[in-house]
Amino acid sequence: MPRYLELYGRGAYAPKSYQQRITGLVKELAERHGVGRATPAMARRVPRHRPALPEEPEQLRLL
């Protein structure tokens, strides 16, 4: 609990320096793994077309 009090003892949010550090780490990992959108505006865009629906699934039988 000491770490929690260190980060949040004075309010609901972690200190700006800690927030910035975590934001940087998340951004780096997202870029490395190809996750997320390039910009906030891209995150709000809806794709123009929908992907094709998969074929009807095959019902497996119990043995």
PDB file of N, CA and C in Angstrom:
ATOM      1  N   MET A   1       0.806  -1.194   0.000  1.00  0.00           N
ATOM      2  CA  MET A   1       0.000   0.000   0.000  1.00  0.00           C
ATOM      3  C   MET A   1       0.856   1.268   0.000  1.00  0.00           C
ATOM      4  N   PRO A   2       2.100   1.239   0.452  1.00  0.00           N
ATOM      5  CA  PRO A   2       2.916   2.439   0.425  1.00  0.00           C
ATOM      6  C   PRO A   2       3.078   3.002  -0.993  1.00  0.00           C
ATOM      7  N   ARG A   3       3.249   2.122  -1.992  1.00  0.00           N
ATOM      8  CA  ARG A   3       3.403   2.598  -3.377  1.00  0.00           C
ATOM      9  C   ARG A   3       2.128   3.298  -3.845  1.00  0.00           C
ATOM     10  N   TYR A   4       0.969   2.751  -3.500  1.00  0.00           N
ATOM     11  CA  TYR A   4      -0.305   3.368  -3.857  1.00  0.00           C
ATOM     12  C   TYR A   4      -0.394   4.760  -3.242  1.00  0.00           C
ATOM     13  N   LEU A   5      -0.078   4.863  -1.969  1.00  0.00           N
ATOM     14  CA  LEU A   5      -0.142   6.161  -1.298  1.00  0.00           C
ATOM     15  C   LEU A   5       0.858   7.141  -1.897  1.00  0.00           C
ATOM     16  N   GLU A   6       2.003   6.629  -2.313  1.00  0.00           N
ATOM     17  CA  GLU A   6       3.013   7.483  -2.951  1.00  0.00           C
ATOM     18  C   GLU A   6       2.465   8.072  -4.253  1.00  0.00           C
ATOM     19  N   LEU A   7       1.759   7.258  -5.036  1.00  0.00           N
ATOM     20  CA  LEU A   7       1.242   7.707  -6.325  1.00  0.00           C
ATOM     21  C   LEU A   7      -0.059   8.488  -6.205  1.00  0.00           C
ATOM     22  N   TYR A   8      -0.960   8.048  -5.341  1.00  0.00           N
ATOM     23  CA  TYR A   8      -2.301   8.618  -5.309  1.00  0.00           C
ATOM     24  C   TYR A   8      -2.679   9.271  -3.983  1.00  0.00           C
ATOM     25  N   GLY A   9      -1.757   9.368  -3.066  1.00  0.00           N
ATOM     26  CA  GLY A   9      -2.057   9.900  -1.744  1.00  0.00           C
ATOM     27  C   GLY A   9      -2.594  11.315  -1.738  1.00  0.00           C
ATOM     28  N   ARG A  10      -2.277  12.095  -2.747  1.00  0.00           N
ATOM     29  CA  ARG A  10      -2.715  13.496  -2.774  1.00  0.00           C
ATOM     30  C   ARG A  10      -3.870  13.742  -3.732  1.00  0.00           C
ATOM     31  N   GLY A  11      -4.397  12.696  -4.332  1.00  0.00           N
ATOM     32  CA  GLY A  11      -5.521  12.895  -5.245  1.00  0.00           C
ATOM     33  C   GLY A  11      -5.828  11.633  -6.025  1.00  0.00           C
ATOM     34  N   ALA A  12      -6.740  11.771  -6.971  1.00  0.00           N
ATOM     35  CA  ALA A  12      -7.220  10.621  -7.729  1.00  0.00           C
ATOM     36  C   ALA A  12      -6.279  10.216  -8.855  1.00  0.00           C
ATOM     37  N   TYR A  13      -5.383  11.084  -9.253  1.00  0.00           N
ATOM     38  CA  TYR A  13      -4.507  10.809 -10.392  1.00  0.00           C
ATOM     39  C   TYR A  13      -3.052  10.671  -9.962  1.00  0.00           C
ATOM     40  N   ALA A  14      -2.337   9.838 -10.701  1.00  0.00           N
ATOM     41  CA  ALA A  14      -0.898   9.708 -10.465  1.00  0.00           C
ATOM     42  C   ALA A  14      -0.209  10.999 -10.901  1.00  0.00           C
ATOM     43  N   PRO A  15       0.992  11.269 -10.406  1.00  0.00           N
ATOM     44  CA  PRO A  15       1.719  12.476 -10.809  1.00  0.00           C
ATOM     45  C   PRO A  15       1.936  12.494 -12.330  1.00  0.00           C
ATOM     46  N   LYS A  16       1.976  13.703 -12.897  1.00  0.00           N
ATOM     47  CA  LYS A  16       2.147  13.875 -14.349  1.00  0.00           C
ATOM     48  C   LYS A  16       3.379  13.140 -14.857  1.00  0.00           C
ATOM     49  N   SER A  17       4.469  13.183 -14.128  1.00  0.00           N
ATOM     50  CA  SER A  17       5.690  12.529 -14.591  1.00  0.00           C
ATOM     51  C   SER A  17       5.486  11.020 -14.742  1.00  0.00           C
ATOM     52  N   TYR A  18       4.747  10.424 -13.815  1.00  0.00           N
ATOM     53  CA  TYR A  18       4.462   8.994 -13.881  1.00  0.00           C
ATOM     54  C   TYR A  18       3.510   8.696 -15.040  1.00  0.00           C
ATOM     55  N   GLN A  19       2.484   9.528 -15.224  1.00  0.00           N
ATOM     56  CA  GLN A  19       1.549   9.368 -16.330  1.00  0.00           C
ATOM     57  C   GLN A  19       2.281   9.428 -17.671  1.00  0.00           C
ATOM     58  N   GLN A  20       3.184  10.383 -17.801  1.00  0.00           N
ATOM     59  CA  GLN A  20       3.939  10.547 -19.045  1.00  0.00           C
ATOM     60  C   GLN A  20       4.843   9.344 -19.303  1.00  0.00           C
ATOM     61  N   ARG A  21       5.451   8.814 -18.256  1.00  0.00           N
ATOM     62  CA  ARG A  21       6.318   7.643 -18.398  1.00  0.00           C
ATOM     63  C   ARG A  21       5.518   6.441 -18.888  1.00  0.00           C
ATOM     64  N   ILE A  22       4.376   6.200 -18.272  1.00  0.00           N
ATOM     65  CA  ILE A  22       3.528   5.070 -18.658  1.00  0.00           C
ATOM     66  C   ILE A  22       2.988   5.271 -20.068  1.00  0.00           C
ATOM     67  N   THR A  23       2.577   6.477 -20.404  1.00  0.00           N
ATOM     68  CA  THR A  23       2.083   6.774 -21.751  1.00  0.00           C
ATOM     69  C   THR A  23       3.152   6.479 -22.787  1.00  0.00           C
ATOM     70  N   GLY A  24       4.374   6.862 -22.519  1.00  0.00           N
ATOM     71  CA  GLY A  24       5.477   6.585 -23.435  1.00  0.00           C
ATOM     72  C   GLY A  24       5.710   5.094 -23.624  1.00  0.00           C
ATOM     73  N   LEU A  25       5.672   4.349 -22.534  1.00  0.00           N
ATOM     74  CA  LEU A  25       5.861   2.892 -22.612  1.00  0.00           C
ATOM     75  C   LEU A  25       4.750   2.229 -23.422  1.00  0.00           C
ATOM     76  N   VAL A  26       3.518   2.625 -23.182  1.00  0.00           N
ATOM     77  CA  VAL A  26       2.383   2.047 -23.899  1.00  0.00           C
ATOM     78  C   VAL A  26       2.475   2.382 -25.384  1.00  0.00           C
ATOM     79  N   LYS A  27       2.822   3.622 -25.700  1.00  0.00           N
ATOM     80  CA  LYS A  27       2.946   4.028 -27.103  1.00  0.00           C
ATOM     81  C   LYS A  27       4.028   3.214 -27.808  1.00  0.00           C
ATOM     82  N   GLU A  28       5.166   3.049 -27.161  1.00  0.00           N
ATOM     83  CA  GLU A  28       6.268   2.274 -27.731  1.00  0.00           C
ATOM     84  C   GLU A  28       5.852   0.827 -27.987  1.00  0.00           C
ATOM     85  N   LEU A  29       5.187   0.212 -27.014  1.00  0.00           N
ATOM     86  CA  LEU A  29       4.740  -1.171 -27.174  1.00  0.00           C
ATOM     87  C   LEU A  29       3.677  -1.296 -28.260  1.00  0.00           C
ATOM     88  N   ALA A  30       2.766  -0.331 -28.339  1.00  0.00           N
ATOM     89  CA  ALA A  30       1.723  -0.364 -29.367  1.00  0.00           C
ATOM     90  C   ALA A  30       2.346  -0.274 -30.759  1.00  0.00           C
ATOM     91  N   GLU A  31       3.316   0.596 -30.932  1.00  0.00           N
ATOM     92  CA  GLU A  31       3.984   0.718 -32.229  1.00  0.00           C
ATOM     93  C   GLU A  31       4.739  -0.567 -32.568  1.00  0.00           C
ATOM     94  N   ARG A  32       5.423  -1.122 -31.597  1.00  0.00           N
ATOM     95  CA  ARG A  32       6.210  -2.339 -31.813  1.00  0.00           C
ATOM     96  C   ARG A  32       5.332  -3.506 -32.246  1.00  0.00           C
ATOM     97  N   HIS A  33       4.134  -3.592 -31.661  1.00  0.00           N
ATOM     98  CA  HIS A  33       3.258  -4.727 -31.917  1.00  0.00           C
ATOM     99  C   HIS A  33       2.139  -4.403 -32.922  1.00  0.00           C
ATOM    100  N   GLY A  34       2.180  -3.207 -33.511  1.00  0.00           N
ATOM    101  CA  GLY A  34       1.198  -2.847 -34.526  1.00  0.00           C
ATOM    102  C   GLY A  34      -0.223  -2.736 -34.006  1.00  0.00           C
ATOM    103  N   VAL A  35      -0.369  -2.205 -32.811  1.00  0.00           N
ATOM    104  CA  VAL A  35      -1.685  -2.073 -32.202  1.00  0.00           C
ATOM    105  C   VAL A  35      -2.081  -0.604 -32.188  1.00  0.00           C
ATOM    106  N   GLY A  36      -3.380  -0.341 -32.322  1.00  0.00           N
ATOM    107  CA  GLY A  36      -3.863   1.023 -32.203  1.00  0.00           C
ATOM    108  C   GLY A  36      -3.881   1.754 -33.529  1.00  0.00           C
ATOM    109  N   ARG A  37      -4.284   2.986 -33.483  1.00  0.00           N
ATOM    110  CA  ARG A  37      -4.395   3.830 -34.674  1.00  0.00           C
ATOM    111  C   ARG A  37      -3.246   4.826 -34.717  1.00  0.00           C
ATOM    112  N   ALA A  38      -2.991   5.351 -35.899  1.00  0.00           N
ATOM    113  CA  ALA A  38      -1.901   6.304 -36.075  1.00  0.00           C
ATOM    114  C   ALA A  38      -2.190   7.634 -35.383  1.00  0.00           C
ATOM    115  N   THR A  39      -3.449   8.062 -35.418  1.00  0.00           N
ATOM    116  CA  THR A  39      -3.816   9.347 -34.814  1.00  0.00           C
ATOM    117  C   THR A  39      -5.164   9.210 -34.117  1.00  0.00           C
ATOM    118  N   PRO A  40      -5.490  10.125 -33.214  1.00  0.00           N
ATOM    119  CA  PRO A  40      -6.814  10.073 -32.587  1.00  0.00           C
ATOM    120  C   PRO A  40      -7.940  10.193 -33.608  1.00  0.00           C
ATOM    121  N   ALA A  41      -7.737  10.995 -34.667  1.00  0.00           N
ATOM    122  CA  ALA A  41      -8.776  11.134 -35.698  1.00  0.00           C
ATOM    123  C   ALA A  41      -9.038   9.800 -36.385  1.00  0.00           C
ATOM    124  N   MET A  42      -7.991   9.005 -36.623  1.00  0.00           N
ATOM    125  CA  MET A  42      -8.158   7.702 -37.264  1.00  0.00           C
ATOM    126  C   MET A  42      -8.932   6.745 -36.366  1.00  0.00           C
ATOM    127  N   ALA A  43      -8.804   6.903 -35.068  1.00  0.00           N
ATOM    128  CA  ALA A  43      -9.497   6.021 -34.131  1.00  0.00           C
ATOM    129  C   ALA A  43     -11.010   6.202 -34.212  1.00  0.00           C
ATOM    130  N   ARG A  44     -11.463   7.384 -34.647  1.00  0.00           N
ATOM    131  CA  ARG A  44     -12.898   7.656 -34.720  1.00  0.00           C
ATOM    132  C   ARG A  44     -13.499   7.306 -36.071  1.00  0.00           C
ATOM    133  N   ARG A  45     -12.688   6.939 -37.036  1.00  0.00           N
ATOM    134  CA  ARG A  45     -13.198   6.627 -38.367  1.00  0.00           C
ATOM    135  C   ARG A  45     -13.774   5.225 -38.417  1.00  0.00           C
ATOM    136  N   VAL A  46     -14.864   5.100 -39.155  1.00  0.00           N
ATOM    137  CA  VAL A  46     -15.514   3.807 -39.362  1.00  0.00           C
ATOM    138  C   VAL A  46     -15.100   3.315 -40.741  1.00  0.00           C
ATOM    139  N   PRO A  47     -14.700   2.057 -40.860  1.00  0.00           N
ATOM    140  CA  PRO A  47     -14.319   1.546 -42.179  1.00  0.00           C
ATOM    141  C   PRO A  47     -15.461   1.700 -43.170  1.00  0.00           C
ATOM    142  N   ARG A  48     -15.112   1.990 -44.436  1.00  0.00           N
ATOM    143  CA  ARG A  48     -16.125   2.190 -45.467  1.00  0.00           C
ATOM    144  C   ARG A  48     -16.823   0.891 -45.841  1.00  0.00           C
ATOM    145  N   HIS A  49     -16.164  -0.201 -45.755  1.00  0.00           N
ATOM    146  CA  HIS A  49     -16.766  -1.476 -46.128  1.00  0.00           C
ATOM    147  C   HIS A  49     -16.632  -2.463 -44.984  1.00  0.00           C
ATOM    148  N   ARG A  50     -17.539  -3.386 -44.953  1.00  0.00           N
ATOM    149  CA  ARG A  50     -17.479  -4.426 -43.941  1.00  0.00           C
ATOM    150  C   ARG A  50     -16.779  -5.637 -44.520  1.00  0.00           C
ATOM    151  N   PRO A  51     -16.038  -6.342 -43.718  1.00  0.00           N
ATOM    152  CA  PRO A  51     -15.399  -7.561 -44.230  1.00  0.00           C
ATOM    153  C   PRO A  51     -16.471  -8.593 -44.594  1.00  0.00           C
ATOM    154  N   ALA A  52     -16.132  -9.453 -45.535  1.00  0.00           N
ATOM    155  CA  ALA A  52     -17.066 -10.497 -45.960  1.00  0.00           C
ATOM    156  C   ALA A  52     -17.397 -11.406 -44.787  1.00  0.00           C
ATOM    157  N   LEU A  53     -18.634 -11.855 -44.741  1.00  0.00           N
ATOM    158  CA  LEU A  53     -19.040 -12.769 -43.687  1.00  0.00           C
ATOM    159  C   LEU A  53     -18.404 -14.125 -43.926  1.00  0.00           C
ATOM    160  N   PRO A  54     -18.009 -14.797 -42.876  1.00  0.00           N
ATOM    161  CA  PRO A  54     -17.406 -16.129 -43.051  1.00  0.00           C
ATOM    162  C   PRO A  54     -18.466 -17.118 -43.537  1.00  0.00           C
ATOM    163  N   GLU A  55     -18.003 -18.220 -44.104  1.00  0.00           N
ATOM    164  CA  GLU A  55     -18.926 -19.260 -44.537  1.00  0.00           C
ATOM    165  C   GLU A  55     -19.684 -19.795 -43.333  1.00  0.00           C
ATOM    166  N   GLU A  56     -20.804 -20.429 -43.623  1.00  0.00           N
ATOM    167  CA  GLU A  56     -21.612 -21.018 -42.548  1.00  0.00           C
ATOM    168  C   GLU A  56     -20.757 -22.031 -41.797  1.00  0.00           C
ATOM    169  N   PRO A  57     -20.707 -21.959 -40.458  1.00  0.00           N
ATOM    170  CA  PRO A  57     -19.876 -22.904 -39.702  1.00  0.00           C
ATOM    171  C   PRO A  57     -20.396 -24.331 -39.817  1.00  0.00           C
ATOM    172  N   GLU A  58     -19.514 -25.281 -39.733  1.00  0.00           N
ATOM    173  CA  GLU A  58     -19.880 -26.701 -39.796  1.00  0.00           C
ATOM    174  C   GLU A  58     -20.222 -27.180 -38.389  1.00  0.00           C
ATOM    175  N   GLN A  59     -21.373 -27.815 -38.253  1.00  0.00           N
ATOM    176  CA  GLN A  59     -21.773 -28.373 -36.965  1.00  0.00           C
ATOM    177  C   GLN A  59     -21.036 -29.689 -36.752  1.00  0.00           C
ATOM    178  N   LEU A  60     -20.249 -29.769 -35.715  1.00  0.00           N
ATOM    179  CA  LEU A  60     -19.527 -30.991 -35.414  1.00  0.00           C
ATOM    180  C   LEU A  60     -20.439 -31.976 -34.688  1.00  0.00           C
ATOM    181  N   ARG A  61     -20.186 -33.263 -34.899  1.00  0.00           N
ATOM    182  CA  ARG A  61     -20.991 -34.303 -34.273  1.00  0.00           C
ATOM    183  C   ARG A  61     -20.292 -34.831 -33.028  1.00  0.00           C
ATOM    184  N   LEU A  62     -21.076 -35.233 -32.077  1.00  0.00           N
ATOM    185  CA  LEU A  62     -20.512 -35.880 -30.895  1.00  0.00           C
ATOM    186  C   LEU A  62     -20.176 -37.308 -31.234  1.00  0.00           C
ATOM    187  N   LEU A  63     -19.115 -37.799 -30.705  1.00  0.00           N
ATOM    188  CA  LEU A  63     -18.723 -39.194 -30.964  1.00  0.00           C
ATOM    189  C   LEU A  63     -19.347 -40.139 -29.991  1.00  0.00           C
TER     190      LEU A  63
END
